[in-house]
Amino acid sequence: MAFLIRQLSTSSTGASLRSLRKRQGISLDMVAKQTQIQRKYLEAFEADAHHLLPDPLYTRHFLKQFVTTINGDVAYFISK
């Protein structure tokens, strides 16, 4: 019987967002323009600076838009 050993991810949500965005070749300015989300909030997501984000209701919506724009899995990032 074979076992698959899965390495646990030690990267933060922000690092995962930044990595995905960069792999897609998308700049923060492009995301800001397409989503109409202020760049400072996008930077806060990538820096895991949650204290700089707006009310949780808006933050959740912004995160969904951000992840969709960089072709990510929304369910994965929302559940993190």
C-alpha atoms as a PDB file:
ATOM      1  CA  MET A   1       0.000   0.000   0.000  1.00  0.00           C
ATOM      2  CA  ALA A   2       1.497   3.329  -1.064  1.00  0.00           C
ATOM      3  CA  PHE A   3       1.157   6.508   0.915  1.00  0.00           C
ATOM      4  CA  LEU A   4       1.339   9.999  -0.432  1.00  0.00           C
ATOM      5  CA  ILE A   5       3.100  12.396   1.897  1.00  0.00           C
ATOM      6  CA  ARG A   6       1.878  15.930   1.437  1.00  0.00           C
ATOM      7  CA  GLN A   7       4.090  18.708   2.654  1.00  0.00           C
ATOM      8  CA  LEU A   8       2.227  21.261   4.689  1.00  0.00           C
ATOM      9  CA  SER A   9       2.324  24.744   3.283  1.00  0.00           C
ATOM     10  CA  THR A  10       4.055  27.206   5.557  1.00  0.00           C
ATOM     11  CA  SER A  11       3.422  30.208   3.339  1.00  0.00           C
ATOM     12  CA  SER A  12       0.977  32.854   4.390  1.00  0.00           C
ATOM     13  CA  THR A  13      -2.139  33.828   2.492  1.00  0.00           C
ATOM     14  CA  GLY A  14      -0.469  37.037   1.373  1.00  0.00           C
ATOM     15  CA  ALA A  15       2.596  35.198   0.072  1.00  0.00           C
ATOM     16  CA  SER A  16       0.334  32.789  -1.804  1.00  0.00           C
ATOM     17  CA  LEU A  17      -1.581  35.675  -3.385  1.00  0.00           C
ATOM     18  CA  ARG A  18       1.620  37.458  -4.395  1.00  0.00           C
ATOM     19  CA  SER A  19       3.133  34.261  -5.824  1.00  0.00           C
ATOM     20  CA  LEU A  20       0.013  33.454  -7.851  1.00  0.00           C
ATOM     21  CA  ARG A  21      -0.246  37.013  -9.179  1.00  0.00           C
ATOM     22  CA  LYS A  22       3.398  37.093 -10.213  1.00  0.00           C
ATOM     23  CA  ARG A  23       3.185  33.666 -11.905  1.00  0.00           C
ATOM     24  CA  GLN A  24       0.270  35.027 -13.937  1.00  0.00           C
ATOM     25  CA  GLY A  25       2.354  38.073 -14.922  1.00  0.00           C
ATOM     26  CA  ILE A  26      -0.195  40.484 -13.494  1.00  0.00           C
ATOM     27  CA  SER A  27       0.860  43.701 -11.771  1.00  0.00           C
ATOM     28  CA  LEU A  28      -0.875  45.233  -8.767  1.00  0.00           C
ATOM     29  CA  ASP A  29      -1.717  48.240 -10.917  1.00  0.00           C
ATOM     30  CA  MET A  30      -3.480  45.963 -13.410  1.00  0.00           C
ATOM     31  CA  VAL A  31      -5.494  44.341 -10.617  1.00  0.00           C
ATOM     32  CA  ALA A  32      -6.373  47.730  -9.137  1.00  0.00           C
ATOM     33  CA  LYS A  33      -7.537  49.032 -12.499  1.00  0.00           C
ATOM     34  CA  GLN A  34      -9.616  45.969 -13.324  1.00  0.00           C
ATOM     35  CA  THR A  35     -11.230  45.578  -9.890  1.00  0.00           C
ATOM     36  CA  GLN A  36     -11.432  49.238  -8.846  1.00  0.00           C
ATOM     37  CA  ILE A  37      -9.870  48.228  -5.511  1.00  0.00           C
ATOM     38  CA  GLN A  38      -7.382  50.708  -4.134  1.00  0.00           C
ATOM     39  CA  ARG A  39      -3.792  49.533  -4.485  1.00  0.00           C
ATOM     40  CA  LYS A  40      -3.182  50.046  -0.752  1.00  0.00           C
ATOM     41  CA  TYR A  41      -5.723  47.300   0.009  1.00  0.00           C
ATOM     42  CA  LEU A  42      -4.164  44.917  -2.515  1.00  0.00           C
ATOM     43  CA  GLU A  43      -0.769  45.562  -0.947  1.00  0.00           C
ATOM     44  CA  ALA A  44      -2.270  44.940   2.502  1.00  0.00           C
ATOM     45  CA  PHE A  45      -3.591  41.546   1.352  1.00  0.00           C
ATOM     46  CA  GLU A  46      -0.174  40.524   0.040  1.00  0.00           C
ATOM     47  CA  ALA A  47       1.598  41.769   3.176  1.00  0.00           C
ATOM     48  CA  ASP A  48      -0.881  40.043   5.521  1.00  0.00           C
ATOM     49  CA  ALA A  49      -1.506  43.489   7.023  1.00  0.00           C
ATOM     50  CA  HIS A  50      -5.095  42.761   8.004  1.00  0.00           C
ATOM     51  CA  HIS A  51      -5.251  45.794  10.269  1.00  0.00           C
ATOM     52  CA  LEU A  52      -5.029  48.015   7.159  1.00  0.00           C
ATOM     53  CA  LEU A  53      -8.042  46.434   5.463  1.00  0.00           C
ATOM     54  CA  PRO A  54     -11.583  47.852   5.647  1.00  0.00           C
ATOM     55  CA  ASP A  55     -14.599  46.315   7.379  1.00  0.00           C
ATOM     56  CA  PRO A  56     -14.701  42.485   7.003  1.00  0.00           C
ATOM     57  CA  LEU A  57     -17.750  42.654   4.717  1.00  0.00           C
ATOM     58  CA  TYR A  58     -15.792  44.755   2.195  1.00  0.00           C
ATOM     59  CA  THR A  59     -12.580  42.815   2.743  1.00  0.00           C
ATOM     60  CA  ARG A  60     -14.216  39.511   1.828  1.00  0.00           C
ATOM     61  CA  HIS A  61     -15.652  41.014  -1.360  1.00  0.00           C
ATOM     62  CA  PHE A  62     -12.294  42.598  -2.252  1.00  0.00           C
ATOM     63  CA  LEU A  63     -10.503  39.292  -1.682  1.00  0.00           C
ATOM     64  CA  LYS A  64     -12.947  37.468  -3.973  1.00  0.00           C
ATOM     65  CA  GLN A  65     -12.406  40.051  -6.712  1.00  0.00           C
ATOM     66  CA  PHE A  66      -8.634  39.984  -6.267  1.00  0.00           C
ATOM     67  CA  VAL A  67      -8.417  36.180  -6.455  1.00  0.00           C
ATOM     68  CA  THR A  68     -10.762  36.005  -9.450  1.00  0.00           C
ATOM     69  CA  THR A  69      -8.685  38.608 -11.298  1.00  0.00           C
ATOM     70  CA  ILE A  70      -5.452  36.650 -10.787  1.00  0.00           C
ATOM     71  CA  ASN A  71      -7.169  33.394 -11.857  1.00  0.00           C
ATOM     72  CA  GLY A  72      -7.074  31.805  -8.423  1.00  0.00           C
ATOM     73  CA  ASP A  73      -9.434  29.489  -6.575  1.00  0.00           C
ATOM     74  CA  VAL A  74     -11.736  31.723  -4.547  1.00  0.00           C
ATOM     75  CA  ALA A  75     -12.917  28.896  -2.281  1.00  0.00           C
ATOM     76  CA  TYR A  76      -9.316  28.082  -1.340  1.00  0.00           C
ATOM     77  CA  PHE A  77      -8.440  31.649  -0.354  1.00  0.00           C
ATOM     78  CA  ILE A  78     -11.727  32.337   1.440  1.00  0.00           C
ATOM     79  CA  SER A  79     -11.341  29.182   3.539  1.00  0.00           C
ATOM     80  CA  LYS A  80      -7.729  29.963   4.500  1.00  0.00           C
END
